[in-house]
Amino acid sequence: MSAPTTARPATIRDGIRAGMPFGAAALLLGLSFGVVARRVIGPEAAIAMSAFVFAGAAQFGSTAVLAAGGGAAAAIVAGILLNARFLAMGVAYAPSLSGGPLRRAAEGQAVVDASWALANRGGGRFDRNLMLGATLAQYPAWVLGTALGVLFGDAIGDPRDLGLYAIFPAFFLALLVEEARTTRARAVALGGAAIALALTPVAPGLPIIAACLAAVAGAWWRA
């Protein structure tokens, strides 16, 4: 999903408009999470988790650990590992922020995968308004989807029967297609995929972080 191309600077409204398709995906993913999580951590905790964490991969990962009999510490570690990618994304986005530390920290909460990709202008530049607007389109949808999954989970049944689990990989595939427009980008994507596939059977929870090494190699290649 590409950012809108306009002669004028992008506005937050432009970001909301560009983020609407990802908001629709967030609604369905949140629905799936609500159905699954209510049986593991309870309905109130599932909704609170979506409201305060707002990180699909980490929430599904933590819930999966608890569902498998793991303790709270293991679930927290799994969530931290899955969200560690936001450290690198935040460092990349930081130079595009302005204002004092509190404002920068608050606006940094808008960094989520789809918004980061939409706002990326290349060369280390990001459009702040696109970032904020795209996240504004996704956050309410994610929380609402979770609430609907919690409330109507019995009527919905198993999300796997509806194919809702396919939305997650399709969501990230849409981001990948948009980014993989150059030979270097495609090589980085394939390298990251190879690292993740190799580590998944032997080191669950680490493949996503380790796959970032391909991006580091890609940056070195450009340099």
C-alpha atoms as a PDB file:
ATOM      1  CA  MET A   1       0.000   0.000   0.000  1.00  0.00           C
ATOM      2  CA  SER A   2       1.800   3.136  -1.106  1.00  0.00           C
ATOM      3  CA  ALA A   3       1.518   6.532   0.513  1.00  0.00           C
ATOM      4  CA  PRO A   4      -0.559   9.080  -1.338  1.00  0.00           C
ATOM      5  CA  THR A   5       1.291  11.155  -3.891  1.00  0.00           C
ATOM      6  CA  THR A   6       0.296  14.812  -3.624  1.00  0.00           C
ATOM      7  CA  ALA A   7       1.803  18.176  -4.563  1.00  0.00           C
ATOM      8  CA  ARG A   8       1.160  19.501  -1.062  1.00  0.00           C
ATOM      9  CA  PRO A   9       2.632  18.137   2.176  1.00  0.00           C
ATOM     10  CA  ALA A  10       0.770  15.122   3.519  1.00  0.00           C
ATOM     11  CA  THR A  11      -1.706  15.717   6.317  1.00  0.00           C
ATOM     12  CA  ILE A  12      -2.877  13.441   9.110  1.00  0.00           C
ATOM     13  CA  ARG A  13      -6.098  13.006   7.129  1.00  0.00           C
ATOM     14  CA  ASP A  14      -3.998  11.670   4.220  1.00  0.00           C
ATOM     15  CA  GLY A  15      -2.443   9.192   6.627  1.00  0.00           C
ATOM     16  CA  ILE A  16      -5.839   8.062   7.898  1.00  0.00           C
ATOM     17  CA  ARG A  17      -7.036   7.554   4.331  1.00  0.00           C
ATOM     18  CA  ALA A  18      -3.920   5.587   3.397  1.00  0.00           C
ATOM     19  CA  GLY A  19      -4.169   3.497   6.563  1.00  0.00           C
ATOM     20  CA  MET A  20      -7.838   2.505   6.148  1.00  0.00           C
ATOM     21  CA  PRO A  21      -7.097  -0.808   4.335  1.00  0.00           C
ATOM     22  CA  PHE A  22      -4.746  -1.770   7.138  1.00  0.00           C
ATOM     23  CA  GLY A  23      -7.401  -0.673   9.636  1.00  0.00           C
ATOM     24  CA  ALA A  24      -9.765  -3.200   8.048  1.00  0.00           C
ATOM     25  CA  ALA A  25      -7.099  -5.895   8.443  1.00  0.00           C
ATOM     26  CA  ALA A  26      -6.538  -4.821  12.060  1.00  0.00           C
ATOM     27  CA  LEU A  27     -10.269  -5.202  12.758  1.00  0.00           C
ATOM     28  CA  LEU A  28     -10.271  -8.792  11.539  1.00  0.00           C
ATOM     29  CA  LEU A  29      -7.007  -9.642  13.280  1.00  0.00           C
ATOM     30  CA  GLY A  30      -8.326  -8.107  16.498  1.00  0.00           C
ATOM     31  CA  LEU A  31     -11.475 -10.186  16.132  1.00  0.00           C
ATOM     32  CA  SER A  32      -9.371 -13.325  15.872  1.00  0.00           C
ATOM     33  CA  PHE A  33      -7.278 -12.323  18.875  1.00  0.00           C
ATOM     34  CA  GLY A  34     -10.355 -11.613  20.976  1.00  0.00           C
ATOM     35  CA  VAL A  35     -11.830 -15.035  20.231  1.00  0.00           C
ATOM     36  CA  VAL A  36      -8.595 -16.821  21.145  1.00  0.00           C
ATOM     37  CA  ALA A  37      -7.436 -14.706  24.085  1.00  0.00           C
ATOM     38  CA  ARG A  38     -10.706 -14.629  26.038  1.00  0.00           C
ATOM     39  CA  ARG A  39     -10.353 -18.357  26.722  1.00  0.00           C
ATOM     40  CA  VAL A  40      -6.758 -17.979  27.887  1.00  0.00           C
ATOM     41  CA  ILE A  41      -6.542 -14.703  29.811  1.00  0.00           C
ATOM     42  CA  GLY A  42     -10.198 -13.731  30.182  1.00  0.00           C
ATOM     43  CA  PRO A  43     -12.328 -11.171  28.341  1.00  0.00           C
ATOM     44  CA  GLU A  44     -11.346  -8.072  30.334  1.00  0.00           C
ATOM     45  CA  ALA A  45      -7.629  -8.839  30.114  1.00  0.00           C
ATOM     46  CA  ALA A  46      -7.864  -9.489  26.368  1.00  0.00           C
ATOM     47  CA  ILE A  47      -9.438  -6.085  25.697  1.00  0.00           C
ATOM     48  CA  ALA A  48      -7.027  -4.312  28.073  1.00  0.00           C
ATOM     49  CA  MET A  49      -4.071  -5.996  26.409  1.00  0.00           C
ATOM     50  CA  SER A  50      -5.139  -4.736  22.986  1.00  0.00           C
ATOM     51  CA  ALA A  51      -5.766  -1.237  24.338  1.00  0.00           C
ATOM     52  CA  PHE A  52      -2.403  -0.895  26.074  1.00  0.00           C
ATOM     53  CA  VAL A  53      -0.070  -3.170  24.086  1.00  0.00           C
ATOM     54  CA  PHE A  54      -1.452  -2.750  20.532  1.00  0.00           C
ATOM     55  CA  ALA A  55       0.986  -5.218  18.994  1.00  0.00           C
ATOM     56  CA  GLY A  56      -0.574  -8.159  17.197  1.00  0.00           C
ATOM     57  CA  ALA A  57       2.450 -10.425  16.901  1.00  0.00           C
ATOM     58  CA  ALA A  58       3.448  -9.929  20.549  1.00  0.00           C
ATOM     59  CA  GLN A  59      -0.113 -10.434  21.788  1.00  0.00           C
ATOM     60  CA  PHE A  60      -0.640 -13.629  19.799  1.00  0.00           C
ATOM     61  CA  GLY A  61       2.807 -14.870  20.814  1.00  0.00           C
ATOM     62  CA  SER A  62       2.297 -14.217  24.520  1.00  0.00           C
ATOM     63  CA  THR A  63      -1.160 -15.776  24.465  1.00  0.00           C
ATOM     64  CA  ALA A  64       0.179 -18.852  22.669  1.00  0.00           C
ATOM     65  CA  VAL A  65       2.806 -19.310  25.400  1.00  0.00           C
ATOM     66  CA  LEU A  66       0.144 -19.103  28.123  1.00  0.00           C
ATOM     67  CA  ALA A  67      -2.183 -21.451  26.227  1.00  0.00           C
ATOM     68  CA  ALA A  68       0.624 -24.001  26.017  1.00  0.00           C
ATOM     69  CA  GLY A  69       1.074 -23.936  29.785  1.00  0.00           C
ATOM     70  CA  GLY A  70       3.911 -21.428  30.017  1.00  0.00           C
ATOM     71  CA  GLY A  71       4.168 -18.961  32.858  1.00  0.00           C
ATOM     72  CA  ALA A  72       3.727 -15.197  32.859  1.00  0.00           C
ATOM     73  CA  ALA A  73       7.488 -14.601  32.676  1.00  0.00           C
ATOM     74  CA  ALA A  74       7.833 -16.739  29.542  1.00  0.00           C
ATOM     75  CA  ALA A  75       4.876 -14.958  27.946  1.00  0.00           C
ATOM     76  CA  ILE A  76       6.385 -11.553  28.704  1.00  0.00           C
ATOM     77  CA  VAL A  77       9.754 -12.578  27.275  1.00  0.00           C
ATOM     78  CA  ALA A  78       8.070 -13.838  24.106  1.00  0.00           C
ATOM     79  CA  GLY A  79       6.266 -10.522  23.708  1.00  0.00           C
ATOM     80  CA  ILE A  80       9.444  -8.530  24.268  1.00  0.00           C
ATOM     81  CA  LEU A  81      11.368 -10.562  21.711  1.00  0.00           C
ATOM     82  CA  LEU A  82       8.628 -10.164  19.107  1.00  0.00           C
ATOM     83  CA  ASN A  83       8.436  -6.412  19.734  1.00  0.00           C
ATOM     84  CA  ALA A  84      12.188  -5.836  19.787  1.00  0.00           C
ATOM     85  CA  ARG A  85      12.048  -4.866  16.101  1.00  0.00           C
ATOM     86  CA  PHE A  86      10.428  -1.601  17.128  1.00  0.00           C
ATOM     87  CA  LEU A  87      13.715  -0.497  18.680  1.00  0.00           C
ATOM     88  CA  ALA A  88      15.386  -0.425  15.265  1.00  0.00           C
ATOM     89  CA  MET A  89      12.279   1.083  13.649  1.00  0.00           C
ATOM     90  CA  GLY A  90      12.126   3.779  16.333  1.00  0.00           C
ATOM     91  CA  VAL A  91      15.792   4.662  15.895  1.00  0.00           C
ATOM     92  CA  ALA A  92      15.213   5.083  12.163  1.00  0.00           C
ATOM     93  CA  TYR A  93      12.136   7.250  12.734  1.00  0.00           C
ATOM     94  CA  ALA A  94      13.594   9.432  15.514  1.00  0.00           C
ATOM     95  CA  PRO A  95      15.345  12.025  13.276  1.00  0.00           C
ATOM     96  CA  SER A  96      11.988  12.820  11.636  1.00  0.00           C
ATOM     97  CA  LEU A  97      10.419  13.814  14.972  1.00  0.00           C
ATOM     98  CA  SER A  98      10.463  17.317  16.432  1.00  0.00           C
ATOM     99  CA  GLY A  99       9.625  18.919  19.755  1.00  0.00           C
ATOM    100  CA  GLY A 100      10.616  18.031  23.279  1.00  0.00           C
ATOM    101  CA  PRO A 101      11.275  14.595  24.763  1.00  0.00           C
ATOM    102  CA  LEU A 102       7.697  14.025  25.954  1.00  0.00           C
ATOM    103  CA  ARG A 103       6.171  14.930  22.601  1.00  0.00           C
ATOM    104  CA  ARG A 104       8.696  12.792  20.746  1.00  0.00           C
ATOM    105  CA  ALA A 105       8.074   9.857  23.080  1.00  0.00           C
ATOM    106  CA  ALA A 106       4.297  10.202  22.681  1.00  0.00           C
ATOM    107  CA  GLU A 107       4.443  10.392  18.874  1.00  0.00           C
ATOM    108  CA  GLY A 108       6.855   7.468  18.835  1.00  0.00           C
ATOM    109  CA  GLN A 109       3.985   5.278  20.056  1.00  0.00           C
ATOM    110  CA  ALA A 110       2.536   5.578  16.554  1.00  0.00           C
ATOM    111  CA  VAL A 111       5.287   3.349  15.164  1.00  0.00           C
ATOM    112  CA  VAL A 112       3.620   0.149  13.991  1.00  0.00           C
ATOM    113  CA  ASP A 113       4.569  -1.991  11.021  1.00  0.00           C
ATOM    114  CA  ALA A 114       2.120  -0.727   8.402  1.00  0.00           C
ATOM    115  CA  SER A 115       2.408   2.935   9.438  1.00  0.00           C
ATOM    116  CA  TRP A 116       6.193   2.748   9.407  1.00  0.00           C
ATOM    117  CA  ALA A 117       6.166   1.344   5.872  1.00  0.00           C
ATOM    118  CA  LEU A 118       3.640   3.925   4.652  1.00  0.00           C
ATOM    119  CA  ALA A 119       5.575   6.838   6.132  1.00  0.00           C
ATOM    120  CA  ASN A 120       8.974   5.695   4.865  1.00  0.00           C
ATOM    121  CA  ARG A 121      10.263   8.165   2.269  1.00  0.00           C
ATOM    122  CA  GLY A 122      13.620   6.464   1.757  1.00  0.00           C
ATOM    123  CA  GLY A 123      17.039   7.715   2.707  1.00  0.00           C
ATOM    124  CA  GLY A 124      16.178   7.611   6.398  1.00  0.00           C
ATOM    125  CA  ARG A 125      13.288  10.093   6.025  1.00  0.00           C
ATOM    126  CA  PHE A 126       9.755   9.560   7.333  1.00  0.00           C
ATOM    127  CA  ASP A 127       6.558  11.559   6.993  1.00  0.00           C
ATOM    128  CA  ARG A 128       5.279  12.262  10.503  1.00  0.00           C
ATOM    129  CA  ASN A 129       1.696  13.032   9.440  1.00  0.00           C
ATOM    130  CA  LEU A 130       1.399   9.810   7.456  1.00  0.00           C
ATOM    131  CA  MET A 131       2.743   7.848  10.415  1.00  0.00           C
ATOM    132  CA  LEU A 132       0.285   9.373  12.869  1.00  0.00           C
ATOM    133  CA  GLY A 133      -2.709   9.205  10.533  1.00  0.00           C
ATOM    134  CA  ALA A 134      -2.142   5.606   9.480  1.00  0.00           C
ATOM    135  CA  THR A 135      -1.913   4.503  13.107  1.00  0.00           C
ATOM    136  CA  LEU A 136      -5.070   6.440  13.976  1.00  0.00           C
ATOM    137  CA  ALA A 137      -6.828   4.337  11.338  1.00  0.00           C
ATOM    138  CA  GLN A 138      -5.596   1.081  12.868  1.00  0.00           C
ATOM    139  CA  TYR A 139      -5.642   1.454  16.646  1.00  0.00           C
ATOM    140  CA  PRO A 140      -9.430   1.842  17.173  1.00  0.00           C
ATOM    141  CA  ALA A 141     -10.068  -0.976  14.701  1.00  0.00           C
ATOM    142  CA  TRP A 142      -7.719  -3.294  16.602  1.00  0.00           C
ATOM    143  CA  VAL A 143      -9.341  -2.597  19.977  1.00  0.00           C
ATOM    144  CA  LEU A 144     -12.869  -2.780  18.529  1.00  0.00           C
ATOM    145  CA  GLY A 145     -12.064  -6.063  16.784  1.00  0.00           C
ATOM    146  CA  THR A 146     -10.787  -7.528  20.042  1.00  0.00           C
ATOM    147  CA  ALA A 147     -13.910  -6.428  21.879  1.00  0.00           C
ATOM    148  CA  LEU A 148     -16.145  -7.969  19.208  1.00  0.00           C
ATOM    149  CA  GLY A 149     -14.172 -11.216  19.362  1.00  0.00           C
ATOM    150  CA  VAL A 150     -14.546 -11.308  23.130  1.00  0.00           C
ATOM    151  CA  LEU A 151     -18.266 -10.537  23.078  1.00  0.00           C
ATOM    152  CA  PHE A 152     -19.286 -12.739  20.169  1.00  0.00           C
ATOM    153  CA  GLY A 153     -16.639 -15.439  20.332  1.00  0.00           C
ATOM    154  CA  ASP A 154     -19.128 -18.238  20.899  1.00  0.00           C
ATOM    155  CA  ALA A 155     -21.045 -17.268  17.762  1.00  0.00           C
ATOM    156  CA  ILE A 156     -17.861 -16.839  15.714  1.00  0.00           C
ATOM    157  CA  GLY A 157     -16.339 -20.183  16.680  1.00  0.00           C
ATOM    158  CA  ASP A 158     -12.766 -21.135  15.808  1.00  0.00           C
ATOM    159  CA  PRO A 159     -11.037 -18.362  13.784  1.00  0.00           C
ATOM    160  CA  ARG A 160      -9.200 -21.047  11.837  1.00  0.00           C
ATOM    161  CA  ASP A 161     -12.500 -22.243  10.389  1.00  0.00           C
ATOM    162  CA  LEU A 162     -13.027 -18.772   8.910  1.00  0.00           C
ATOM    163  CA  GLY A 163      -9.480 -18.424   7.609  1.00  0.00           C
ATOM    164  CA  LEU A 164      -8.822 -15.392   9.828  1.00  0.00           C
ATOM    165  CA  TYR A 165      -5.317 -16.622  10.658  1.00  0.00           C
ATOM    166  CA  ALA A 166      -4.381 -16.117   7.004  1.00  0.00           C
ATOM    167  CA  ILE A 167      -4.853 -12.368   7.435  1.00  0.00           C
ATOM    168  CA  PHE A 168      -1.692 -12.018   9.519  1.00  0.00           C
ATOM    169  CA  PRO A 169       0.765 -13.364   6.909  1.00  0.00           C
ATOM    170  CA  ALA A 170      -1.200 -11.615   4.143  1.00  0.00           C
ATOM    171  CA  PHE A 171      -0.888  -8.348   6.069  1.00  0.00           C
ATOM    172  CA  PHE A 172       2.904  -8.564   6.239  1.00  0.00           C
ATOM    173  CA  LEU A 173       3.120  -9.832   2.666  1.00  0.00           C
ATOM    174  CA  ALA A 174       1.369  -6.646   1.516  1.00  0.00           C
ATOM    175  CA  LEU A 175       4.038  -4.601   3.300  1.00  0.00           C
ATOM    176  CA  LEU A 176       6.801  -6.702   1.792  1.00  0.00           C
ATOM    177  CA  VAL A 177       5.522  -6.362  -1.779  1.00  0.00           C
ATOM    178  CA  GLU A 178       5.493  -2.590  -1.446  1.00  0.00           C
ATOM    179  CA  GLU A 179       9.038  -2.464  -0.082  1.00  0.00           C
ATOM    180  CA  ALA A 180      10.715  -5.103  -2.271  1.00  0.00           C
ATOM    181  CA  ARG A 181      11.055  -2.968  -5.384  1.00  0.00           C
ATOM    182  CA  THR A 182      14.838  -3.146  -5.814  1.00  0.00           C
ATOM    183  CA  THR A 183      17.309  -5.987  -6.168  1.00  0.00           C
ATOM    184  CA  ARG A 184      18.869  -5.123  -2.807  1.00  0.00           C
ATOM    185  CA  ALA A 185      15.482  -5.066  -1.069  1.00  0.00           C
ATOM    186  CA  ARG A 186      14.518  -8.431  -2.540  1.00  0.00           C
ATOM    187  CA  ALA A 187      17.853  -9.910  -1.500  1.00  0.00           C
ATOM    188  CA  VAL A 188      17.357  -8.634   2.066  1.00  0.00           C
ATOM    189  CA  ALA A 189      13.832 -10.099   2.166  1.00  0.00           C
ATOM    190  CA  LEU A 190      15.014 -13.492   0.947  1.00  0.00           C
ATOM    191  CA  GLY A 191      17.948 -13.444   3.365  1.00  0.00           C
ATOM    192  CA  GLY A 192      15.684 -12.598   6.290  1.00  0.00           C
ATOM    193  CA  ALA A 193      13.260 -15.346   5.306  1.00  0.00           C
ATOM    194  CA  ALA A 194      16.082 -17.895   5.093  1.00  0.00           C
ATOM    195  CA  ILE A 195      17.375 -16.955   8.557  1.00  0.00           C
ATOM    196  CA  ALA A 196      13.888 -17.132  10.088  1.00  0.00           C
ATOM    197  CA  LEU A 197      13.095 -20.496   8.500  1.00  0.00           C
ATOM    198  CA  ALA A 198      16.417 -21.948   9.644  1.00  0.00           C
ATOM    199  CA  LEU A 199      15.968 -20.824  13.268  1.00  0.00           C
ATOM    200  CA  THR A 200      12.258 -21.462  13.778  1.00  0.00           C
ATOM    201  CA  PRO A 201      12.621 -25.221  14.550  1.00  0.00           C
ATOM    202  CA  VAL A 202      15.514 -24.717  16.975  1.00  0.00           C
ATOM    203  CA  ALA A 203      15.030 -21.274  18.563  1.00  0.00           C
ATOM    204  CA  PRO A 204      11.359 -20.216  18.756  1.00  0.00           C
ATOM    205  CA  GLY A 205      10.964 -16.521  19.539  1.00  0.00           C
ATOM    206  CA  LEU A 206      14.313 -15.491  18.067  1.00  0.00           C
ATOM    207  CA  PRO A 207      13.893 -15.849  14.282  1.00  0.00           C
ATOM    208  CA  ILE A 208      12.281 -12.425  13.778  1.00  0.00           C
ATOM    209  CA  ILE A 209      15.084 -10.634  15.600  1.00  0.00           C
ATOM    210  CA  ALA A 210      17.815 -12.702  13.961  1.00  0.00           C
ATOM    211  CA  ALA A 211      16.295 -12.022  10.539  1.00  0.00           C
ATOM    212  CA  CYS A 212      17.153  -8.348  11.064  1.00  0.00           C
ATOM    213  CA  LEU A 213      20.761  -9.319  10.356  1.00  0.00           C
ATOM    214  CA  ALA A 214      19.779  -9.453   6.696  1.00  0.00           C
ATOM    215  CA  ALA A 215      18.714  -5.800   6.897  1.00  0.00           C
ATOM    216  CA  VAL A 216      22.039  -4.903   8.524  1.00  0.00           C
ATOM    217  CA  ALA A 217      23.838  -6.665   5.697  1.00  0.00           C
ATOM    218  CA  GLY A 218      21.669  -4.779   3.207  1.00  0.00           C
ATOM    219  CA  ALA A 219      22.606  -1.442   4.763  1.00  0.00           C
ATOM    220  CA  TRP A 220      26.289  -2.387   4.602  1.00  0.00           C
ATOM    221  CA  TRP A 221      25.858  -3.384   0.951  1.00  0.00           C
ATOM    222  CA  ARG A 222      24.426   0.062   0.138  1.00  0.00           C
ATOM    223  CA  ALA A 223      27.246   1.779   1.998  1.00  0.00           C
END
